Amino acid sequence: MLPVSARLTSPQDFARTTKSGIRVTSQNFVGYLYIQPAITTSARAGLIIGKSVGGSVTRHRISRQIRHALAPLIEKFPAGSLIVIRGLKMQGQPDVHQEIEDISTRLIAKAAKRMADAS
């Protein structure tokens, strides 16, 4: 589980991340990363799991799997990062852990490339 300090709860933070952040997609998920300048707090993550994913039981199961997969990866993101994972319509039984790990790796690499290009 994600600790309380690592959870994204503000609607403004969700909006900022999804509109202005770096975006990476996989078959079943979209990942967004927004790095707040001059913020030294640890990274925070939030989920958007809509009804297109499935019924209530399915959505909550997927949410738990995503949180479980993100918990050890949250420390790898830069300080001040805001991460949002959006669930898409599921195609079969996804390997949630593998997809979240892949999205996280790609987001971090894309952010590092952008920061290197800006310097």
N, C-alpha and C. Protein backbone atom coordinates (compact mmCIF):
# COMPACT_ATOMS: atom_id res chain seq x y z
N MET A 1 0.83 -1.19 0.00
CA MET A 1 0.00 0.00 0.00
C MET A 1 0.87 1.24 0.00
N LEU A 2 0.32 2.29 -0.58
CA LEU A 2 1.01 3.56 -0.57
C LEU A 2 0.81 4.25 0.78
N PRO A 3 1.86 4.78 1.38
CA PRO A 3 1.68 5.52 2.62
C PRO A 3 0.87 6.79 2.36
N VAL A 4 0.25 7.33 3.37
CA VAL A 4 -0.59 8.52 3.23
C VAL A 4 0.21 9.67 2.63
N SER A 5 1.46 9.81 3.00
CA SER A 5 2.29 10.91 2.49
C SER A 5 2.59 10.77 1.00
N ALA A 6 2.37 9.59 0.43
CA ALA A 6 2.66 9.36 -0.99
C ALA A 6 1.40 9.36 -1.84
N ARG A 7 0.27 9.77 -1.27
CA ARG A 7 -0.99 9.76 -2.02
C ARG A 7 -1.31 11.14 -2.56
N LEU A 8 -1.79 11.17 -3.77
CA LEU A 8 -2.22 12.39 -4.42
C LEU A 8 -3.73 12.53 -4.19
N THR A 9 -4.16 13.62 -3.57
CA THR A 9 -5.58 13.76 -3.21
C THR A 9 -6.23 15.03 -3.75
N SER A 10 -5.47 16.03 -4.08
CA SER A 10 -6.01 17.31 -4.50
C SER A 10 -6.47 17.27 -5.97
N PRO A 11 -7.70 17.71 -6.24
CA PRO A 11 -8.17 17.76 -7.64
C PRO A 11 -7.28 18.65 -8.51
N GLN A 12 -6.72 19.71 -7.92
CA GLN A 12 -5.83 20.59 -8.68
C GLN A 12 -4.55 19.86 -9.10
N ASP A 13 -4.03 19.02 -8.21
CA ASP A 13 -2.83 18.24 -8.54
C ASP A 13 -3.12 17.22 -9.64
N PHE A 14 -4.29 16.57 -9.57
CA PHE A 14 -4.68 15.64 -10.62
C PHE A 14 -4.77 16.36 -11.97
N ALA A 15 -5.43 17.52 -11.98
CA ALA A 15 -5.59 18.29 -13.22
C ALA A 15 -4.25 18.76 -13.76
N ARG A 16 -3.39 19.27 -12.89
CA ARG A 16 -2.08 19.75 -13.33
C ARG A 16 -1.26 18.61 -13.94
N THR A 17 -1.32 17.45 -13.31
CA THR A 17 -0.54 16.31 -13.78
C THR A 17 -1.04 15.79 -15.11
N THR A 18 -2.35 15.64 -15.25
CA THR A 18 -2.89 15.07 -16.49
C THR A 18 -2.85 16.04 -17.66
N LYS A 19 -2.90 17.34 -17.39
CA LYS A 19 -2.89 18.32 -18.47
C LYS A 19 -1.48 18.77 -18.87
N SER A 20 -0.58 18.88 -17.91
CA SER A 20 0.75 19.43 -18.18
C SER A 20 1.88 18.43 -18.03
N GLY A 21 1.58 17.22 -17.62
CA GLY A 21 2.64 16.26 -17.34
C GLY A 21 3.09 15.47 -18.56
N ILE A 22 4.13 14.72 -18.36
CA ILE A 22 4.64 13.79 -19.36
C ILE A 22 3.68 12.61 -19.42
N ARG A 23 3.40 12.11 -20.62
CA ARG A 23 2.40 11.05 -20.77
C ARG A 23 3.03 9.83 -21.44
N VAL A 24 2.71 8.66 -20.88
CA VAL A 24 3.17 7.38 -21.43
C VAL A 24 1.98 6.43 -21.40
N THR A 25 1.79 5.65 -22.47
CA THR A 25 0.66 4.73 -22.50
C THR A 25 1.13 3.28 -22.63
N SER A 26 0.28 2.40 -22.15
CA SER A 26 0.47 0.97 -22.36
C SER A 26 -0.88 0.44 -22.84
N GLN A 27 -1.02 -0.85 -22.93
CA GLN A 27 -2.25 -1.43 -23.44
C GLN A 27 -3.45 -1.12 -22.55
N ASN A 28 -3.27 -1.13 -21.24
CA ASN A 28 -4.39 -0.96 -20.32
C ASN A 28 -4.32 0.28 -19.43
N PHE A 29 -3.22 1.03 -19.49
CA PHE A 29 -3.05 2.17 -18.59
C PHE A 29 -2.39 3.34 -19.30
N VAL A 30 -2.60 4.53 -18.75
CA VAL A 30 -1.89 5.73 -19.16
C VAL A 30 -1.23 6.28 -17.91
N GLY A 31 0.04 6.60 -18.00
CA GLY A 31 0.77 7.17 -16.88
C GLY A 31 1.13 8.61 -17.15
N TYR A 32 0.97 9.46 -16.15
CA TYR A 32 1.33 10.87 -16.26
C TYR A 32 2.33 11.20 -15.16
N LEU A 33 3.29 12.05 -15.50
CA LEU A 33 4.29 12.49 -14.52
C LEU A 33 4.47 13.99 -14.64
N TYR A 34 4.31 14.68 -13.55
CA TYR A 34 4.54 16.12 -13.49
C TYR A 34 5.54 16.37 -12.37
N ILE A 35 6.64 17.04 -12.70
CA ILE A 35 7.66 17.33 -11.70
C ILE A 35 7.54 18.79 -11.31
N GLN A 36 7.25 19.02 -10.03
CA GLN A 36 7.10 20.37 -9.51
C GLN A 36 8.48 20.95 -9.26
N PRO A 37 8.78 22.09 -9.85
CA PRO A 37 10.10 22.69 -9.62
C PRO A 37 10.25 23.18 -8.18
N ALA A 38 11.44 23.03 -7.65
CA ALA A 38 11.82 23.54 -6.32
C ALA A 38 11.01 22.92 -5.18
N ILE A 39 10.46 21.74 -5.37
CA ILE A 39 9.75 21.02 -4.31
C ILE A 39 10.62 19.83 -3.92
N THR A 40 10.87 19.68 -2.64
CA THR A 40 11.76 18.60 -2.20
C THR A 40 11.03 17.47 -1.50
N THR A 41 9.70 17.50 -1.48
CA THR A 41 8.97 16.41 -0.85
C THR A 41 9.04 15.17 -1.73
N SER A 42 8.73 14.04 -1.15
CA SER A 42 8.78 12.80 -1.92
C SER A 42 7.66 12.78 -2.97
N ALA A 43 7.79 11.89 -3.91
CA ALA A 43 6.80 11.76 -4.99
C ALA A 43 5.46 11.31 -4.42
N ARG A 44 4.38 11.74 -5.09
CA ARG A 44 3.03 11.34 -4.68
C ARG A 44 2.30 10.79 -5.90
N ALA A 45 1.43 9.80 -5.68
CA ALA A 45 0.74 9.14 -6.78
C ALA A 45 -0.76 9.08 -6.53
N GLY A 46 -1.52 9.11 -7.63
CA GLY A 46 -2.96 8.99 -7.57
C GLY A 46 -3.46 8.13 -8.72
N LEU A 47 -4.68 7.64 -8.59
CA LEU A 47 -5.26 6.74 -9.58
C LEU A 47 -6.56 7.31 -10.11
N ILE A 48 -6.83 7.04 -11.39
CA ILE A 48 -8.11 7.35 -12.01
C ILE A 48 -8.57 6.05 -12.65
N ILE A 49 -9.55 5.41 -12.03
CA ILE A 49 -10.06 4.14 -12.53
C ILE A 49 -11.56 4.33 -12.77
N GLY A 50 -11.93 4.54 -14.04
CA GLY A 50 -13.32 4.82 -14.39
C GLY A 50 -14.14 3.56 -14.60
N LYS A 51 -15.41 3.77 -14.87
CA LYS A 51 -16.33 2.65 -15.04
C LYS A 51 -16.05 1.84 -16.30
N SER A 52 -15.31 2.39 -17.25
CA SER A 52 -14.98 1.62 -18.45
C SER A 52 -14.07 0.43 -18.13
N VAL A 53 -13.41 0.49 -16.99
CA VAL A 53 -12.53 -0.61 -16.56
C VAL A 53 -13.36 -1.83 -16.18
N GLY A 54 -14.53 -1.61 -15.60
CA GLY A 54 -15.39 -2.71 -15.19
C GLY A 54 -16.26 -2.31 -14.02
N GLY A 55 -16.87 -3.31 -13.43
CA GLY A 55 -17.73 -3.07 -12.27
C GLY A 55 -16.93 -2.68 -11.04
N SER A 56 -17.63 -2.42 -9.96
CA SER A 56 -17.02 -1.95 -8.73
C SER A 56 -15.94 -2.90 -8.21
N VAL A 57 -16.24 -4.19 -8.21
CA VAL A 57 -15.28 -5.17 -7.69
C VAL A 57 -14.02 -5.17 -8.54
N THR A 58 -14.18 -5.13 -9.85
CA THR A 58 -13.04 -5.12 -10.77
C THR A 58 -12.21 -3.86 -10.58
N ARG A 59 -12.87 -2.70 -10.50
CA ARG A 59 -12.15 -1.43 -10.34
C ARG A 59 -11.34 -1.41 -9.05
N HIS A 60 -11.93 -1.89 -7.96
CA HIS A 60 -11.20 -1.89 -6.69
C HIS A 60 -10.06 -2.90 -6.69
N ARG A 61 -10.24 -4.02 -7.36
CA ARG A 61 -9.16 -5.01 -7.46
C ARG A 61 -7.99 -4.43 -8.25
N ILE A 62 -8.29 -3.79 -9.38
CA ILE A 62 -7.25 -3.17 -10.21
C ILE A 62 -6.55 -2.06 -9.42
N SER A 63 -7.32 -1.25 -8.68
CA SER A 63 -6.73 -0.16 -7.87
C SER A 63 -5.76 -0.72 -6.84
N ARG A 64 -6.16 -1.78 -6.17
CA ARG A 64 -5.27 -2.39 -5.17
C ARG A 64 -4.00 -2.91 -5.83
N GLN A 65 -4.14 -3.54 -7.00
CA GLN A 65 -2.97 -4.07 -7.70
C GLN A 65 -2.03 -2.95 -8.13
N ILE A 66 -2.58 -1.84 -8.60
CA ILE A 66 -1.75 -0.70 -9.02
C ILE A 66 -1.02 -0.11 -7.81
N ARG A 67 -1.74 0.12 -6.71
CA ARG A 67 -1.09 0.67 -5.51
C ARG A 67 0.02 -0.25 -5.01
N HIS A 68 -0.24 -1.55 -5.03
CA HIS A 68 0.76 -2.52 -4.59
C HIS A 68 1.99 -2.48 -5.51
N ALA A 69 1.77 -2.33 -6.82
CA ALA A 69 2.88 -2.28 -7.77
C ALA A 69 3.65 -0.96 -7.66
N LEU A 70 2.96 0.14 -7.37
CA LEU A 70 3.61 1.46 -7.28
C LEU A 70 4.40 1.67 -6.00
N ALA A 71 3.99 1.04 -4.93
CA ALA A 71 4.61 1.30 -3.62
C ALA A 71 6.14 1.19 -3.64
N PRO A 72 6.74 0.11 -4.16
CA PRO A 72 8.20 0.06 -4.15
C PRO A 72 8.86 0.96 -5.20
N LEU A 73 8.10 1.40 -6.20
CA LEU A 73 8.66 2.21 -7.29
C LEU A 73 8.62 3.70 -7.00
N ILE A 74 7.82 4.12 -6.04
CA ILE A 74 7.60 5.55 -5.78
C ILE A 74 8.90 6.27 -5.42
N GLU A 75 9.83 5.56 -4.78
CA GLU A 75 11.10 6.17 -4.38
C GLU A 75 12.02 6.47 -5.56
N LYS A 76 11.78 5.82 -6.71
CA LYS A 76 12.62 6.01 -7.89
C LYS A 76 12.30 7.30 -8.63
N PHE A 77 11.12 7.87 -8.38
CA PHE A 77 10.73 9.10 -9.06
C PHE A 77 11.43 10.29 -8.44
N PRO A 78 11.69 11.34 -9.24
CA PRO A 78 12.35 12.54 -8.70
C PRO A 78 11.53 13.19 -7.58
N ALA A 79 12.21 13.91 -6.71
CA ALA A 79 11.54 14.61 -5.62
C ALA A 79 10.55 15.62 -6.20
N GLY A 80 9.39 15.72 -5.56
CA GLY A 80 8.36 16.66 -6.01
C GLY A 80 7.51 16.16 -7.16
N SER A 81 7.65 14.90 -7.52
CA SER A 81 6.89 14.34 -8.64
C SER A 81 5.44 14.09 -8.26
N LEU A 82 4.57 14.31 -9.23
CA LEU A 82 3.17 13.93 -9.11
C LEU A 82 2.92 12.88 -10.19
N ILE A 83 2.41 11.72 -9.81
CA ILE A 83 2.18 10.62 -10.74
C ILE A 83 0.70 10.28 -10.73
N VAL A 84 0.13 10.14 -11.91
CA VAL A 84 -1.26 9.70 -12.03
C VAL A 84 -1.29 8.52 -12.99
N ILE A 85 -1.97 7.46 -12.57
CA ILE A 85 -2.18 6.28 -13.42
C ILE A 85 -3.67 6.22 -13.74
N ARG A 86 -3.99 6.23 -15.02
CA ARG A 86 -5.39 6.16 -15.47
C ARG A 86 -5.62 4.78 -16.08
N GLY A 87 -6.65 4.10 -15.63
CA GLY A 87 -7.01 2.80 -16.16
C GLY A 87 -7.85 2.95 -17.41
N LEU A 88 -7.55 2.16 -18.43
CA LEU A 88 -8.33 2.13 -19.66
C LEU A 88 -9.18 0.88 -19.68
N LYS A 89 -10.02 0.74 -20.67
CA LYS A 89 -10.84 -0.45 -20.79
C LYS A 89 -9.92 -1.67 -20.88
N MET A 90 -10.12 -2.62 -19.98
CA MET A 90 -9.23 -3.77 -19.88
C MET A 90 -9.45 -4.76 -21.03
N GLN A 91 -8.35 -5.27 -21.55
CA GLN A 91 -8.37 -6.25 -22.62
C GLN A 91 -7.88 -7.57 -22.03
N GLY A 92 -8.81 -8.41 -21.60
CA GLY A 92 -8.43 -9.67 -20.97
C GLY A 92 -7.97 -9.44 -19.54
N GLN A 93 -7.09 -10.32 -19.07
CA GLN A 93 -6.53 -10.21 -17.72
C GLN A 93 -5.14 -9.57 -17.82
N PRO A 94 -5.01 -8.30 -17.50
CA PRO A 94 -3.70 -7.64 -17.63
C PRO A 94 -2.73 -8.06 -16.52
N ASP A 95 -1.44 -8.01 -16.86
CA ASP A 95 -0.39 -8.19 -15.85
C ASP A 95 -0.11 -6.79 -15.30
N VAL A 96 -0.88 -6.39 -14.31
CA VAL A 96 -0.85 -5.03 -13.78
C VAL A 96 0.54 -4.67 -13.27
N HIS A 97 1.14 -5.57 -12.51
CA HIS A 97 2.46 -5.27 -11.93
C HIS A 97 3.48 -4.97 -13.03
N GLN A 98 3.51 -5.78 -14.07
CA GLN A 98 4.48 -5.59 -15.16
C GLN A 98 4.21 -4.29 -15.92
N GLU A 99 2.93 -4.01 -16.20
CA GLU A 99 2.60 -2.78 -16.94
C GLU A 99 2.94 -1.53 -16.14
N ILE A 100 2.67 -1.53 -14.84
CA ILE A 100 2.97 -0.37 -14.00
C ILE A 100 4.49 -0.18 -13.90
N GLU A 101 5.22 -1.26 -13.78
CA GLU A 101 6.68 -1.18 -13.74
C GLU A 101 7.22 -0.60 -15.05
N ASP A 102 6.66 -1.04 -16.18
CA ASP A 102 7.07 -0.55 -17.49
C ASP A 102 6.74 0.94 -17.64
N ILE A 103 5.53 1.33 -17.25
CA ILE A 103 5.13 2.73 -17.34
C ILE A 103 6.04 3.60 -16.47
N SER A 104 6.34 3.16 -15.26
CA SER A 104 7.20 3.92 -14.35
C SER A 104 8.59 4.11 -14.95
N THR A 105 9.15 3.05 -15.48
CA THR A 105 10.48 3.12 -16.08
C THR A 105 10.49 4.09 -17.26
N ARG A 106 9.48 4.01 -18.10
CA ARG A 106 9.41 4.89 -19.27
C ARG A 106 9.19 6.35 -18.87
N LEU A 107 8.36 6.59 -17.83
CA LEU A 107 8.15 7.96 -17.36
C LEU A 107 9.43 8.57 -16.81
N ILE A 108 10.15 7.80 -16.01
CA ILE A 108 11.41 8.30 -15.42
C ILE A 108 12.43 8.59 -16.52
N ALA A 109 12.52 7.69 -17.51
CA ALA A 109 13.47 7.89 -18.62
C ALA A 109 13.10 9.13 -19.44
N LYS A 110 11.82 9.30 -19.72
CA LYS A 110 11.36 10.45 -20.50
C LYS A 110 11.62 11.75 -19.75
N ALA A 111 11.39 11.75 -18.44
CA ALA A 111 11.63 12.93 -17.61
C ALA A 111 13.13 13.26 -17.57
N ALA A 112 13.96 12.25 -17.43
CA ALA A 112 15.41 12.47 -17.41
C ALA A 112 15.89 13.05 -18.74
N LYS A 113 15.34 12.56 -19.84
CA LYS A 113 15.71 13.07 -21.16
C LYS A 113 15.30 14.52 -21.32
N ARG A 114 14.09 14.86 -20.87
CA ARG A 114 13.63 16.25 -20.95
C ARG A 114 14.48 17.18 -20.10
N MET A 115 14.85 16.71 -18.91
CA MET A 115 15.67 17.54 -18.03
C MET A 115 17.07 17.72 -18.62
N ALA A 116 17.60 16.69 -19.27
CA ALA A 116 18.92 16.81 -19.90
C ALA A 116 18.87 17.74 -21.10
N ASP A 117 17.78 17.69 -21.87
CA ASP A 117 17.62 18.57 -23.03
C ASP A 117 17.46 20.02 -22.61
N ALA A 118 16.82 20.26 -21.46
CA ALA A 118 16.60 21.61 -20.98
C ALA A 118 17.88 22.25 -20.45
N SER A 119 18.83 21.42 -20.04
CA SER A 119 20.08 21.95 -19.47
C SER A 119 21.05 22.41 -20.53
